[in-house]
Amino acid sequence: MRVVRVTVDLTVPDLDEAAGFYTGFLGLEDEDLGLDWVARFVAPGSGDHVQLMTTDASAPENPQVTLKVDDVDAFHAEAVRRGYEIVHPLTDEPWGIRRFLVRAPDGTVVNIARHRE
């Protein structure tokens, strides 16, 4: 069980307006995710990125961070075992990931995800 990538998730009111700042001013590249509620902006050459969203398409709250993991089911089982609040159940989402949202003890909502194969 390990984390393979960390993505900061920022909630914004308007993706198009935000895109101008992240691409035009900061020079990040827009990675097309094919979704109208979330966008990813990548630093050329490094792969470092930030993800912006208006409202999560299926969860009741927006996450503040997404952790891509090697075994989402194992992480879910461990979160339940530890008694952490599951904000969004373990779900196979139509956009190709299996994920759940969990609230960290500090209140941060964390999206734990893995791309389906």
C-alpha atoms as a PDB file:
ATOM      1  CA  MET A   1       0.000   0.000   0.000  1.00  0.00           C
ATOM      2  CA  ARG A   2       1.642   3.236  -1.124  1.00  0.00           C
ATOM      3  CA  VAL A   3       0.919   6.691  -2.478  1.00  0.00           C
ATOM      4  CA  VAL A   4       2.237   7.149  -6.035  1.00  0.00           C
ATOM      5  CA  ARG A   5       1.244  10.782  -6.760  1.00  0.00           C
ATOM      6  CA  VAL A   6      -0.034  13.809  -4.846  1.00  0.00           C
ATOM      7  CA  THR A   7      -2.211  16.497  -6.451  1.00  0.00           C
ATOM      8  CA  VAL A   8      -3.371  19.717  -4.822  1.00  0.00           C
ATOM      9  CA  ASP A   9      -7.077  20.369  -5.508  1.00  0.00           C
ATOM     10  CA  LEU A  10      -8.229  23.992  -5.471  1.00  0.00           C
ATOM     11  CA  THR A  11     -11.889  24.979  -5.625  1.00  0.00           C
ATOM     12  CA  VAL A  12     -12.576  27.853  -8.022  1.00  0.00           C
ATOM     13  CA  PRO A  13     -15.842  29.481  -9.116  1.00  0.00           C
ATOM     14  CA  ASP A  14     -14.950  29.566 -12.833  1.00  0.00           C
ATOM     15  CA  LEU A  15     -12.520  27.207 -14.592  1.00  0.00           C
ATOM     16  CA  ASP A  16     -12.168  29.364 -17.715  1.00  0.00           C
ATOM     17  CA  GLU A  17     -11.285  32.445 -15.711  1.00  0.00           C
ATOM     18  CA  ALA A  18      -8.790  30.490 -13.600  1.00  0.00           C
ATOM     19  CA  ALA A  19      -7.214  28.942 -16.713  1.00  0.00           C
ATOM     20  CA  GLY A  20      -6.086  32.361 -17.907  1.00  0.00           C
ATOM     21  CA  PHE A  21      -4.113  32.859 -14.714  1.00  0.00           C
ATOM     22  CA  TYR A  22      -2.535  29.397 -14.609  1.00  0.00           C
ATOM     23  CA  THR A  23      -1.658  29.225 -18.304  1.00  0.00           C
ATOM     24  CA  GLY A  24      -1.260  32.859 -19.352  1.00  0.00           C
ATOM     25  CA  PHE A  25       0.451  34.262 -16.274  1.00  0.00           C
ATOM     26  CA  LEU A  26       2.146  31.216 -14.737  1.00  0.00           C
ATOM     27  CA  GLY A  27       2.904  29.414 -18.022  1.00  0.00           C
ATOM     28  CA  LEU A  28       1.485  26.049 -16.987  1.00  0.00           C
ATOM     29  CA  GLU A  29       0.116  23.741 -19.666  1.00  0.00           C
ATOM     30  CA  ASP A  30      -3.571  22.796 -19.653  1.00  0.00           C
ATOM     31  CA  GLU A  31      -3.899  18.997 -19.553  1.00  0.00           C
ATOM     32  CA  ASP A  32      -7.282  18.163 -21.069  1.00  0.00           C
ATOM     33  CA  LEU A  33      -9.142  15.792 -18.744  1.00  0.00           C
ATOM     34  CA  GLY A  34     -12.305  15.829 -20.857  1.00  0.00           C
ATOM     35  CA  LEU A  35     -14.444  16.938 -17.912  1.00  0.00           C
ATOM     36  CA  ASP A  36     -16.243  20.258 -17.503  1.00  0.00           C
ATOM     37  CA  TRP A  37     -15.884  20.534 -13.720  1.00  0.00           C
ATOM     38  CA  VAL A  38     -12.154  19.849 -13.225  1.00  0.00           C
ATOM     39  CA  ALA A  39      -8.964  20.997 -14.964  1.00  0.00           C
ATOM     40  CA  ARG A  40      -5.272  20.166 -14.466  1.00  0.00           C
ATOM     41  CA  PHE A  41      -2.401  22.556 -15.127  1.00  0.00           C
ATOM     42  CA  VAL A  42       1.079  21.082 -15.504  1.00  0.00           C
ATOM     43  CA  ALA A  43       4.545  22.626 -15.193  1.00  0.00           C
ATOM     44  CA  PRO A  44       6.373  21.958 -18.478  1.00  0.00           C
ATOM     45  CA  GLY A  45       9.207  19.485 -18.094  1.00  0.00           C
ATOM     46  CA  SER A  46       8.564  18.469 -14.492  1.00  0.00           C
ATOM     47  CA  GLY A  47       5.063  17.033 -14.489  1.00  0.00           C
ATOM     48  CA  ASP A  48       4.269  18.912 -11.276  1.00  0.00           C
ATOM     49  CA  HIS A  49       0.679  20.069 -11.408  1.00  0.00           C
ATOM     50  CA  VAL A  50      -2.299  21.653  -9.718  1.00  0.00           C
ATOM     51  CA  GLN A  51      -5.901  20.614 -10.208  1.00  0.00           C
ATOM     52  CA  LEU A  52      -8.821  23.063 -10.143  1.00  0.00           C
ATOM     53  CA  MET A  53     -12.481  22.185  -9.760  1.00  0.00           C
ATOM     54  CA  THR A  54     -15.780  23.926  -9.454  1.00  0.00           C
ATOM     55  CA  THR A  55     -17.916  21.227  -7.798  1.00  0.00           C
ATOM     56  CA  ASP A  56     -16.963  17.557  -7.613  1.00  0.00           C
ATOM     57  CA  ALA A  57     -19.213  15.650 -10.026  1.00  0.00           C
ATOM     58  CA  SER A  58     -20.257  12.917  -7.605  1.00  0.00           C
ATOM     59  CA  ALA A  59     -18.988  13.631  -4.079  1.00  0.00           C
ATOM     60  CA  PRO A  60     -20.813  15.814  -1.551  1.00  0.00           C
ATOM     61  CA  GLU A  61     -17.663  17.879  -0.841  1.00  0.00           C
ATOM     62  CA  ASN A  62     -14.651  18.977  -2.862  1.00  0.00           C
ATOM     63  CA  PRO A  63     -11.357  17.422  -1.795  1.00  0.00           C
ATOM     64  CA  GLN A  64      -8.364  19.604  -0.966  1.00  0.00           C
ATOM     65  CA  VAL A  65      -5.880  16.977  -2.126  1.00  0.00           C
ATOM     66  CA  THR A  66      -5.928  13.867  -4.314  1.00  0.00           C
ATOM     67  CA  LEU A  67      -3.640  10.943  -3.582  1.00  0.00           C
ATOM     68  CA  LYS A  68      -3.201   8.408  -6.375  1.00  0.00           C
ATOM     69  CA  VAL A  69      -2.418   5.057  -4.765  1.00  0.00           C
ATOM     70  CA  ASP A  70      -1.428   1.569  -5.829  1.00  0.00           C
ATOM     71  CA  ASP A  71      -4.305  -0.178  -3.970  1.00  0.00           C
ATOM     72  CA  VAL A  72      -7.374   1.971  -3.331  1.00  0.00           C
ATOM     73  CA  ASP A  73      -9.318  -0.947  -1.817  1.00  0.00           C
ATOM     74  CA  ALA A  74      -6.610  -1.551   0.799  1.00  0.00           C
ATOM     75  CA  PHE A  75      -6.517   2.153   1.691  1.00  0.00           C
ATOM     76  CA  HIS A  76     -10.314   2.168   2.011  1.00  0.00           C
ATOM     77  CA  ALA A  77     -10.267  -0.884   4.294  1.00  0.00           C
ATOM     78  CA  GLU A  78      -7.600   0.747   6.463  1.00  0.00           C
ATOM     79  CA  ALA A  79      -9.530   4.051   6.679  1.00  0.00           C
ATOM     80  CA  VAL A  80     -12.631   2.156   7.798  1.00  0.00           C
ATOM     81  CA  ARG A  81     -10.598   0.088  10.286  1.00  0.00           C
ATOM     82  CA  ARG A  82      -9.223   3.292  11.811  1.00  0.00           C
ATOM     83  CA  GLY A  83     -12.702   4.804  12.056  1.00  0.00           C
ATOM     84  CA  TYR A  84     -12.080   7.761   9.752  1.00  0.00           C
ATOM     85  CA  GLU A  85     -15.128   9.481   8.275  1.00  0.00           C
ATOM     86  CA  ILE A  86     -15.777   8.316   4.720  1.00  0.00           C
ATOM     87  CA  VAL A  87     -17.116  11.407   2.928  1.00  0.00           C
ATOM     88  CA  HIS A  88     -17.785   9.595  -0.388  1.00  0.00           C
ATOM     89  CA  PRO A  89     -17.981   5.787  -0.623  1.00  0.00           C
ATOM     90  CA  LEU A  90     -15.603   3.605  -2.593  1.00  0.00           C
ATOM     91  CA  THR A  91     -16.900   4.109  -6.125  1.00  0.00           C
ATOM     92  CA  ASP A  92     -15.981   3.251  -9.720  1.00  0.00           C
ATOM     93  CA  GLU A  93     -16.475   6.640 -11.347  1.00  0.00           C
ATOM     94  CA  PRO A  94     -17.570   6.977 -14.996  1.00  0.00           C
ATOM     95  CA  TRP A  95     -14.415   8.961 -15.838  1.00  0.00           C
ATOM     96  CA  GLY A  96     -12.172   5.950 -15.190  1.00  0.00           C
ATOM     97  CA  ILE A  97     -11.067   6.016 -11.576  1.00  0.00           C
ATOM     98  CA  ARG A  98     -11.939   4.020  -8.485  1.00  0.00           C
ATOM     99  CA  ARG A  99     -11.938   6.293  -5.459  1.00  0.00           C
ATOM    100  CA  PHE A 100     -13.284   7.317  -2.091  1.00  0.00           C
ATOM    101  CA  LEU A 101     -13.076  10.530  -0.084  1.00  0.00           C
ATOM    102  CA  VAL A 102     -12.018  10.464   3.549  1.00  0.00           C
ATOM    103  CA  ARG A 103     -11.840  13.239   6.144  1.00  0.00           C
ATOM    104  CA  ALA A 104      -8.457  13.507   7.851  1.00  0.00           C
ATOM    105  CA  PRO A 105      -8.512  14.191  11.608  1.00  0.00           C
ATOM    106  CA  ASP A 106      -7.699  17.868  10.860  1.00  0.00           C
ATOM    107  CA  GLY A 107     -10.833  18.166   8.697  1.00  0.00           C
ATOM    108  CA  THR A 108      -9.100  18.040   5.300  1.00  0.00           C
ATOM    109  CA  VAL A 109     -11.064  16.075   2.693  1.00  0.00           C
ATOM    110  CA  VAL A 110      -8.726  13.692   0.862  1.00  0.00           C
ATOM    111  CA  ASN A 111      -9.566  11.997  -2.441  1.00  0.00           C
ATOM    112  CA  ILE A 112      -7.905   8.544  -2.533  1.00  0.00           C
ATOM    113  CA  ALA A 113      -7.928   7.233  -6.111  1.00  0.00           C
ATOM    114  CA  ARG A 114      -6.560   4.766  -8.612  1.00  0.00           C
ATOM    115  CA  HIS A 115      -7.135   4.614 -12.364  1.00  0.00           C
ATOM    116  CA  ARG A 116      -9.127   1.541 -13.340  1.00  0.00           C
ATOM    117  CA  GLU A 117      -7.388  -0.808 -15.700  1.00  0.00           C
END
